[in-house]
Amino acid sequence: MASTGNENRYLCFSLGKELFAVELLSVVRVIGFPDLTPMPQTPPYFLGITNLRGDVLPIIDLSKKMGIHTEIKPEKRAVLIAEVDGSLCGFTVDEVTSVLNPKAEDITEKLPATGSKADQFMRKIIKAKDKLIVQLDLNRVFSSHELPQLKVQPSPKAA
């Protein structure tokens, strides 16, 4: 099977002082921080919902979800729009830093076990110059009981 070259490209971003990446093909778009409608009784990482070109989607503070301290206020951050479990979801990141196309020898699939919840959504380590970048799987950031909370229920259509 011929390679298109896109499967090894990663969108890199920062959260606090750390660098992370996601597969480029998993990102639908990157936007500035949108207007939000807060939702009551949601977890602290759930910032609210927004209307993006007719789609209502949740916006998640990825740094809070991952327990990473950042000095940047959410409204100053970028938002990655990605499909998670069949629904669009937005994830705030401090800054989108680059698109990487690493060589196979610069990708390590064997990760150290940390014993934390993060083990479930860390996939690979990418070596880029003098930095190590953790690749995240956005489909695994949420537990099975959290996923249904992310789905925005459509309102019943008027007959």
N, C-alpha and C. Protein backbone atom coordinates (compact mmCIF):
# COMPACT_ATOMS: atom_id res chain seq x y z
N MET A 1 0.85 -1.18 0.00
CA MET A 1 0.00 0.00 0.00
C MET A 1 0.89 1.24 0.00
N ALA A 2 0.62 2.17 -0.88
CA ALA A 2 1.42 3.38 -0.99
C ALA A 2 1.09 4.34 0.14
N SER A 3 2.11 5.02 0.62
CA SER A 3 1.93 5.99 1.70
C SER A 3 1.64 7.36 1.11
N THR A 4 0.69 8.07 1.70
CA THR A 4 0.37 9.42 1.25
C THR A 4 1.25 10.45 1.92
N GLY A 5 1.92 10.07 3.00
CA GLY A 5 2.76 10.99 3.73
C GLY A 5 2.02 11.76 4.80
N ASN A 6 0.68 11.76 4.75
CA ASN A 6 -0.10 12.51 5.73
C ASN A 6 -0.23 11.79 7.06
N GLU A 7 -0.08 10.46 7.07
CA GLU A 7 -0.32 9.73 8.31
C GLU A 7 0.76 9.97 9.35
N ASN A 8 1.89 10.51 8.99
CA ASN A 8 2.96 10.79 9.95
C ASN A 8 3.14 12.27 10.19
N ARG A 9 2.12 13.06 9.93
CA ARG A 9 2.21 14.49 10.19
C ARG A 9 1.42 14.79 11.45
N TYR A 10 1.98 15.66 12.27
CA TYR A 10 1.40 15.96 13.57
C TYR A 10 1.28 17.47 13.76
N LEU A 11 0.17 17.89 14.35
CA LEU A 11 -0.03 19.28 14.74
C LEU A 11 0.47 19.40 16.17
N CYS A 12 1.45 20.26 16.36
CA CYS A 12 2.06 20.43 17.69
C CYS A 12 1.52 21.68 18.36
N PHE A 13 1.38 21.58 19.67
CA PHE A 13 0.84 22.71 20.44
C PHE A 13 1.42 22.67 21.85
N SER A 14 1.28 23.80 22.53
CA SER A 14 1.76 23.87 23.90
C SER A 14 0.59 23.95 24.87
N LEU A 15 0.81 23.38 26.03
CA LEU A 15 -0.07 23.50 27.20
C LEU A 15 0.88 23.79 28.36
N GLY A 16 0.79 24.97 28.94
CA GLY A 16 1.77 25.34 29.95
C GLY A 16 3.15 25.33 29.32
N LYS A 17 4.08 24.67 29.95
CA LYS A 17 5.46 24.61 29.43
C LYS A 17 5.73 23.34 28.64
N GLU A 18 4.69 22.54 28.43
CA GLU A 18 4.85 21.25 27.77
C GLU A 18 4.40 21.31 26.31
N LEU A 19 5.00 20.46 25.49
CA LEU A 19 4.62 20.34 24.08
C LEU A 19 3.90 19.02 23.86
N PHE A 20 2.85 19.09 23.07
CA PHE A 20 2.07 17.91 22.72
C PHE A 20 1.79 17.93 21.23
N ALA A 21 1.29 16.81 20.72
CA ALA A 21 0.94 16.72 19.31
C ALA A 21 -0.27 15.80 19.16
N VAL A 22 -1.00 16.03 18.08
CA VAL A 22 -2.07 15.13 17.67
C VAL A 22 -1.87 14.86 16.18
N GLU A 23 -2.39 13.74 15.72
CA GLU A 23 -2.29 13.46 14.29
C GLU A 23 -2.99 14.57 13.52
N LEU A 24 -2.33 15.09 12.53
CA LEU A 24 -2.86 16.22 11.76
C LEU A 24 -4.21 15.88 11.15
N LEU A 25 -4.38 14.66 10.69
CA LEU A 25 -5.63 14.27 10.05
C LEU A 25 -6.80 14.20 11.03
N SER A 26 -6.52 14.20 12.33
CA SER A 26 -7.61 14.16 13.32
C SER A 26 -8.18 15.55 13.61
N VAL A 27 -7.50 16.60 13.15
CA VAL A 27 -7.93 17.96 13.41
C VAL A 27 -8.75 18.47 12.22
N VAL A 28 -9.97 18.89 12.49
CA VAL A 28 -10.84 19.43 11.45
C VAL A 28 -10.45 20.86 11.11
N ARG A 29 -10.20 21.66 12.16
CA ARG A 29 -9.75 23.04 11.96
C ARG A 29 -9.21 23.58 13.27
N VAL A 30 -8.53 24.73 13.17
CA VAL A 30 -8.05 25.46 14.33
C VAL A 30 -8.69 26.83 14.27
N ILE A 31 -9.28 27.27 15.40
CA ILE A 31 -9.95 28.57 15.43
C ILE A 31 -9.47 29.37 16.64
N GLY A 32 -9.79 30.65 16.64
CA GLY A 32 -9.58 31.47 17.82
C GLY A 32 -10.64 31.12 18.85
N PHE A 33 -10.49 31.65 20.04
CA PHE A 33 -11.44 31.33 21.10
C PHE A 33 -12.82 31.89 20.76
N PRO A 34 -13.85 31.05 20.72
CA PRO A 34 -15.19 31.49 20.31
C PRO A 34 -16.01 32.05 21.47
N ASP A 35 -17.14 32.66 21.14
CA ASP A 35 -18.13 33.02 22.16
C ASP A 35 -18.70 31.71 22.71
N LEU A 36 -18.87 31.66 24.02
CA LEU A 36 -19.35 30.44 24.66
C LEU A 36 -20.65 30.67 25.41
N THR A 37 -21.43 29.62 25.48
CA THR A 37 -22.59 29.58 26.35
C THR A 37 -22.25 28.60 27.46
N PRO A 38 -22.11 29.08 28.69
CA PRO A 38 -21.78 28.16 29.79
C PRO A 38 -22.93 27.18 30.04
N MET A 39 -22.58 26.03 30.54
CA MET A 39 -23.57 25.00 30.86
C MET A 39 -23.50 24.72 32.35
N PRO A 40 -24.65 24.64 33.02
CA PRO A 40 -24.63 24.39 34.46
C PRO A 40 -24.24 22.95 34.79
N GLN A 41 -23.69 22.79 35.97
CA GLN A 41 -23.35 21.49 36.54
C GLN A 41 -22.48 20.63 35.62
N THR A 42 -21.46 21.26 35.07
CA THR A 42 -20.50 20.54 34.23
C THR A 42 -19.15 20.51 34.95
N PRO A 43 -18.28 19.60 34.54
CA PRO A 43 -16.95 19.53 35.16
C PRO A 43 -16.16 20.82 34.90
N PRO A 44 -15.16 21.12 35.72
CA PRO A 44 -14.38 22.36 35.57
C PRO A 44 -13.70 22.50 34.21
N TYR A 45 -13.37 21.40 33.56
CA TYR A 45 -12.71 21.47 32.26
C TYR A 45 -13.68 21.77 31.11
N PHE A 46 -14.98 21.68 31.36
CA PHE A 46 -16.01 21.92 30.34
C PHE A 46 -16.31 23.42 30.34
N LEU A 47 -15.80 24.15 29.35
CA LEU A 47 -15.94 25.60 29.34
C LEU A 47 -17.31 26.07 28.87
N GLY A 48 -17.98 25.29 28.03
CA GLY A 48 -19.28 25.66 27.52
C GLY A 48 -19.48 25.12 26.12
N ILE A 49 -20.51 25.63 25.45
CA ILE A 49 -20.79 25.21 24.08
C ILE A 49 -20.73 26.42 23.17
N THR A 50 -20.50 26.16 21.89
CA THR A 50 -20.45 27.23 20.90
C THR A 50 -21.10 26.75 19.62
N ASN A 51 -21.50 27.71 18.80
CA ASN A 51 -22.07 27.42 17.49
C ASN A 51 -20.98 27.68 16.46
N LEU A 52 -20.57 26.64 15.79
CA LEU A 52 -19.54 26.76 14.76
C LEU A 52 -20.15 26.36 13.42
N ARG A 53 -20.49 27.35 12.64
CA ARG A 53 -21.07 27.12 11.31
C ARG A 53 -22.27 26.18 11.34
N GLY A 54 -23.14 26.40 12.32
CA GLY A 54 -24.36 25.62 12.43
C GLY A 54 -24.24 24.38 13.30
N ASP A 55 -23.03 24.00 13.68
CA ASP A 55 -22.83 22.85 14.58
C ASP A 55 -22.61 23.37 15.99
N VAL A 56 -23.37 22.84 16.94
CA VAL A 56 -23.17 23.18 18.34
C VAL A 56 -22.18 22.16 18.90
N LEU A 57 -21.08 22.65 19.48
CA LEU A 57 -20.09 21.73 19.99
C LEU A 57 -19.54 22.18 21.33
N PRO A 58 -19.12 21.21 22.16
CA PRO A 58 -18.54 21.54 23.46
C PRO A 58 -17.11 22.04 23.30
N ILE A 59 -16.70 22.92 24.20
CA ILE A 59 -15.33 23.40 24.24
C ILE A 59 -14.72 22.94 25.56
N ILE A 60 -13.62 22.22 25.47
CA ILE A 60 -12.96 21.61 26.61
C ILE A 60 -11.63 22.32 26.86
N ASP A 61 -11.36 22.65 28.11
CA ASP A 61 -10.07 23.21 28.50
C ASP A 61 -9.12 22.02 28.67
N LEU A 62 -8.31 21.77 27.65
CA LEU A 62 -7.45 20.58 27.65
C LEU A 62 -6.43 20.63 28.78
N SER A 63 -5.94 21.81 29.14
CA SER A 63 -4.97 21.88 30.23
C SER A 63 -5.62 21.47 31.56
N LYS A 64 -6.85 21.92 31.82
CA LYS A 64 -7.54 21.50 33.05
C LYS A 64 -7.83 20.01 33.03
N LYS A 65 -8.26 19.50 31.88
CA LYS A 65 -8.58 18.08 31.78
C LYS A 65 -7.35 17.23 32.07
N MET A 66 -6.18 17.73 31.66
CA MET A 66 -4.95 16.96 31.84
C MET A 66 -4.20 17.33 33.12
N GLY A 67 -4.72 18.31 33.87
CA GLY A 67 -4.06 18.69 35.11
C GLY A 67 -2.77 19.48 34.90
N ILE A 68 -2.71 20.26 33.82
CA ILE A 68 -1.52 21.05 33.51
C ILE A 68 -1.81 22.51 33.80
N HIS A 69 -0.94 23.13 34.59
CA HIS A 69 -1.11 24.55 34.93
C HIS A 69 -0.64 25.42 33.75
N THR A 70 -1.46 26.40 33.41
CA THR A 70 -1.10 27.36 32.38
C THR A 70 -1.45 28.75 32.87
N GLU A 71 -0.66 29.71 32.47
CA GLU A 71 -0.89 31.11 32.84
C GLU A 71 -1.80 31.82 31.85
N ILE A 72 -2.02 31.21 30.69
CA ILE A 72 -2.77 31.87 29.62
C ILE A 72 -4.27 31.67 29.85
N LYS A 73 -5.00 32.76 29.86
CA LYS A 73 -6.45 32.70 30.04
C LYS A 73 -7.08 32.01 28.83
N PRO A 74 -8.17 31.24 29.05
CA PRO A 74 -8.78 30.51 27.94
C PRO A 74 -9.10 31.38 26.72
N GLU A 75 -9.59 32.59 26.93
CA GLU A 75 -9.99 33.44 25.80
C GLU A 75 -8.81 33.92 24.96
N LYS A 76 -7.58 33.69 25.40
CA LYS A 76 -6.38 34.06 24.64
C LYS A 76 -5.78 32.86 23.91
N ARG A 77 -6.46 31.72 23.99
CA ARG A 77 -5.90 30.49 23.45
C ARG A 77 -6.53 30.12 22.11
N ALA A 78 -5.91 29.15 21.45
CA ALA A 78 -6.45 28.60 20.22
C ALA A 78 -7.33 27.40 20.57
N VAL A 79 -8.20 27.02 19.65
CA VAL A 79 -9.08 25.88 19.85
C VAL A 79 -8.92 24.91 18.68
N LEU A 80 -8.55 23.67 19.00
CA LEU A 80 -8.48 22.60 18.00
C LEU A 80 -9.86 21.98 17.91
N ILE A 81 -10.41 21.90 16.72
CA ILE A 81 -11.68 21.22 16.51
C ILE A 81 -11.36 19.83 15.95
N ALA A 82 -11.82 18.81 16.67
CA ALA A 82 -11.55 17.43 16.26
C ALA A 82 -12.80 16.59 16.48
N GLU A 83 -12.85 15.47 15.79
CA GLU A 83 -13.96 14.54 15.99
C GLU A 83 -13.58 13.57 17.10
N VAL A 84 -14.45 13.48 18.11
CA VAL A 84 -14.23 12.58 19.23
C VAL A 84 -15.47 11.70 19.36
N ASP A 85 -15.27 10.42 19.19
CA ASP A 85 -16.36 9.46 19.31
C ASP A 85 -17.55 9.85 18.43
N GLY A 86 -17.26 10.31 17.22
CA GLY A 86 -18.31 10.61 16.25
C GLY A 86 -18.91 12.01 16.35
N SER A 87 -18.47 12.84 17.30
CA SER A 87 -19.00 14.19 17.44
C SER A 87 -17.86 15.21 17.44
N LEU A 88 -18.13 16.40 16.91
CA LEU A 88 -17.12 17.45 16.93
C LEU A 88 -16.97 17.99 18.35
N CYS A 89 -15.73 18.29 18.71
CA CYS A 89 -15.41 18.81 20.03
C CYS A 89 -14.25 19.79 19.89
N GLY A 90 -14.27 20.87 20.67
CA GLY A 90 -13.18 21.83 20.65
C GLY A 90 -12.31 21.67 21.88
N PHE A 91 -10.99 21.80 21.70
CA PHE A 91 -10.03 21.68 22.78
C PHE A 91 -9.16 22.92 22.81
N THR A 92 -9.14 23.63 23.95
CA THR A 92 -8.28 24.81 24.03
C THR A 92 -6.83 24.37 24.21
N VAL A 93 -5.94 25.07 23.52
CA VAL A 93 -4.49 24.87 23.65
C VAL A 93 -3.87 26.25 23.79
N ASP A 94 -2.73 26.34 24.45
CA ASP A 94 -2.11 27.65 24.64
C ASP A 94 -1.69 28.26 23.31
N GLU A 95 -1.04 27.44 22.49
CA GLU A 95 -0.53 27.95 21.21
C GLU A 95 -0.28 26.77 20.28
N VAL A 96 -0.65 26.91 19.02
CA VAL A 96 -0.27 25.93 18.01
C VAL A 96 1.13 26.33 17.57
N THR A 97 2.06 25.38 17.67
CA THR A 97 3.46 25.73 17.44
C THR A 97 4.01 25.32 16.08
N SER A 98 3.55 24.18 15.54
CA SER A 98 4.11 23.73 14.27
C SER A 98 3.36 22.50 13.75
N VAL A 99 3.70 22.13 12.54
CA VAL A 99 3.30 20.85 11.96
C VAL A 99 4.58 20.07 11.74
N LEU A 100 4.65 18.87 12.30
CA LEU A 100 5.84 18.04 12.18
C LEU A 100 5.59 16.87 11.25
N ASN A 101 6.63 16.49 10.54
CA ASN A 101 6.62 15.30 9.71
C ASN A 101 7.88 14.51 10.08
N PRO A 102 7.88 13.88 11.27
CA PRO A 102 9.10 13.23 11.75
C PRO A 102 9.44 11.96 10.99
N LYS A 103 10.70 11.61 11.01
CA LYS A 103 11.16 10.35 10.44
C LYS A 103 10.75 9.23 11.38
N ALA A 104 10.61 8.03 10.86
CA ALA A 104 10.18 6.89 11.67
C ALA A 104 11.08 6.68 12.87
N GLU A 105 12.38 6.91 12.71
CA GLU A 105 13.30 6.69 13.84
C GLU A 105 13.18 7.75 14.94
N ASP A 106 12.44 8.84 14.66
CA ASP A 106 12.21 9.88 15.67
C ASP A 106 10.89 9.68 16.43
N ILE A 107 10.23 8.55 16.20
CA ILE A 107 8.96 8.26 16.88
C ILE A 107 9.15 7.01 17.74
N THR A 108 8.84 7.14 19.03
CA THR A 108 8.94 6.03 19.96
C THR A 108 7.54 5.65 20.41
N GLU A 109 7.17 4.40 20.16
CA GLU A 109 5.83 3.96 20.55
C GLU A 109 5.81 3.35 21.94
N LYS A 110 6.98 3.06 22.49
CA LYS A 110 7.04 2.50 23.83
C LYS A 110 7.13 3.66 24.82
N LEU A 111 6.06 3.82 25.60
CA LEU A 111 5.98 4.92 26.55
C LEU A 111 6.24 4.43 27.97
N PRO A 112 6.81 5.29 28.79
CA PRO A 112 6.97 4.90 30.19
C PRO A 112 5.60 4.90 30.88
N ALA A 113 5.34 3.92 31.70
CA ALA A 113 4.09 3.88 32.46
C ALA A 113 4.23 4.82 33.65
N THR A 114 3.31 5.76 33.75
CA THR A 114 3.38 6.73 34.84
C THR A 114 2.43 6.40 35.97
N GLY A 115 1.49 5.49 35.72
CA GLY A 115 0.50 5.15 36.72
C GLY A 115 -0.60 6.20 36.86
N SER A 116 -0.61 7.16 35.93
CA SER A 116 -1.63 8.21 36.00
C SER A 116 -2.71 7.96 34.95
N LYS A 117 -3.79 8.74 35.04
CA LYS A 117 -4.86 8.65 34.05
C LYS A 117 -4.34 8.99 32.66
N ALA A 118 -3.27 9.78 32.59
CA ALA A 118 -2.73 10.20 31.30
C ALA A 118 -2.20 9.03 30.48
N ASP A 119 -1.86 7.93 31.13
CA ASP A 119 -1.36 6.77 30.39
C ASP A 119 -2.34 6.32 29.32
N GLN A 120 -3.63 6.50 29.56
CA GLN A 120 -4.63 6.02 28.61
C GLN A 120 -4.68 6.82 27.33
N PHE A 121 -4.26 8.09 27.33
CA PHE A 121 -4.37 8.87 26.10
C PHE A 121 -3.04 9.31 25.52
N MET A 122 -1.92 8.94 26.12
CA MET A 122 -0.62 9.19 25.52
C MET A 122 -0.31 8.05 24.57
N ARG A 123 0.10 8.37 23.34
CA ARG A 123 0.31 7.31 22.35
C ARG A 123 1.77 7.09 21.99
N LYS A 124 2.49 8.18 21.73
CA LYS A 124 3.87 8.07 21.24
C LYS A 124 4.68 9.24 21.78
N ILE A 125 5.99 9.11 21.66
CA ILE A 125 6.91 10.21 21.93
C ILE A 125 7.58 10.55 20.60
N ILE A 126 7.55 11.82 20.26
CA ILE A 126 8.17 12.29 19.02
C ILE A 126 9.40 13.11 19.40
N LYS A 127 10.54 12.76 18.83
CA LYS A 127 11.76 13.52 19.05
C LYS A 127 11.85 14.59 17.98
N ALA A 128 11.95 15.84 18.40
CA ALA A 128 12.06 16.96 17.47
C ALA A 128 13.17 17.87 17.96
N LYS A 129 14.29 17.84 17.27
CA LYS A 129 15.48 18.59 17.67
C LYS A 129 15.84 18.21 19.10
N ASP A 130 15.81 19.15 20.03
CA ASP A 130 16.20 18.87 21.41
C ASP A 130 15.01 18.68 22.33
N LYS A 131 13.83 18.48 21.76
CA LYS A 131 12.61 18.36 22.56
C LYS A 131 11.95 16.99 22.37
N LEU A 132 11.21 16.58 23.39
CA LEU A 132 10.38 15.40 23.30
C LEU A 132 8.93 15.86 23.35
N ILE A 133 8.14 15.40 22.40
CA ILE A 133 6.75 15.82 22.28
C ILE A 133 5.87 14.58 22.45
N VAL A 134 4.88 14.69 23.34
CA VAL A 134 3.97 13.57 23.60
C VAL A 134 2.79 13.67 22.64
N GLN A 135 2.55 12.57 21.90
CA GLN A 135 1.39 12.54 21.03
C GLN A 135 0.19 12.06 21.84
N LEU A 136 -0.90 12.82 21.75
CA LEU A 136 -2.13 12.48 22.45
C LEU A 136 -3.13 11.84 21.49
N ASP A 137 -3.97 10.98 22.03
CA ASP A 137 -5.11 10.45 21.30
C ASP A 137 -6.34 11.11 21.89
N LEU A 138 -6.90 12.09 21.19
CA LEU A 138 -8.04 12.84 21.71
C LEU A 138 -9.26 11.96 21.94
N ASN A 139 -9.35 10.84 21.24
CA ASN A 139 -10.48 9.91 21.46
C ASN A 139 -10.39 9.20 22.80
N ARG A 140 -9.22 9.26 23.45
CA ARG A 140 -9.06 8.56 24.71
C ARG A 140 -8.89 9.50 25.90
N VAL A 141 -9.02 10.81 25.66
CA VAL A 141 -8.89 11.79 26.74
C VAL A 141 -10.03 11.65 27.74
N PHE A 142 -11.17 11.17 27.26
CA PHE A 142 -12.35 11.05 28.11
C PHE A 142 -12.63 9.59 28.42
N SER A 143 -13.10 9.36 29.63
CA SER A 143 -13.48 8.00 30.03
C SER A 143 -14.82 7.65 29.38
N SER A 144 -15.18 6.39 29.45
CA SER A 144 -16.44 5.95 28.83
C SER A 144 -17.66 6.61 29.48
N HIS A 145 -17.57 6.98 30.76
CA HIS A 145 -18.72 7.65 31.38
C HIS A 145 -18.72 9.16 31.09
N GLU A 146 -17.60 9.73 30.65
CA GLU A 146 -17.55 11.15 30.30
C GLU A 146 -18.02 11.41 28.87
N LEU A 147 -17.81 10.47 27.98
CA LEU A 147 -18.14 10.67 26.57
C LEU A 147 -19.58 11.07 26.31
N PRO A 148 -20.56 10.42 26.93
CA PRO A 148 -21.96 10.84 26.67
C PRO A 148 -22.23 12.29 27.04
N GLN A 149 -21.51 12.83 28.02
CA GLN A 149 -21.70 14.22 28.44
C GLN A 149 -21.26 15.20 27.36
N LEU A 150 -20.40 14.76 26.46
CA LEU A 150 -19.87 15.64 25.41
C LEU A 150 -20.81 15.76 24.22
N LYS A 151 -21.67 14.81 24.07
CA LYS A 151 -22.57 14.83 22.92
C LYS A 151 -23.64 15.87 23.11
N VAL A 152 -23.69 16.81 22.20
CA VAL A 152 -24.73 17.85 22.24
C VAL A 152 -25.97 17.27 21.60
N GLN A 153 -27.03 17.20 22.36
CA GLN A 153 -28.26 16.61 21.87
C GLN A 153 -28.99 17.59 20.96
N PRO A 154 -29.36 17.16 19.75
CA PRO A 154 -30.12 18.05 18.88
C PRO A 154 -31.51 18.31 19.45
N SER A 155 -32.00 19.51 19.23
CA SER A 155 -33.35 19.80 19.71
C SER A 155 -34.35 19.16 18.76
N PRO A 156 -35.51 18.78 19.28
CA PRO A 156 -36.50 18.15 18.41
C PRO A 156 -36.93 19.13 17.31
N LYS A 157 -37.02 18.63 16.10
CA LYS A 157 -37.44 19.47 14.97
C LYS A 157 -38.94 19.70 15.03
N ALA A 158 -39.31 20.90 14.69
CA ALA A 158 -40.75 21.22 14.64
C ALA A 158 -41.38 20.49 13.46
N ALA A 159 -42.53 19.91 13.68
CA ALA A 159 -43.20 19.14 12.63
C ALA A 159 -44.02 20.05 11.73
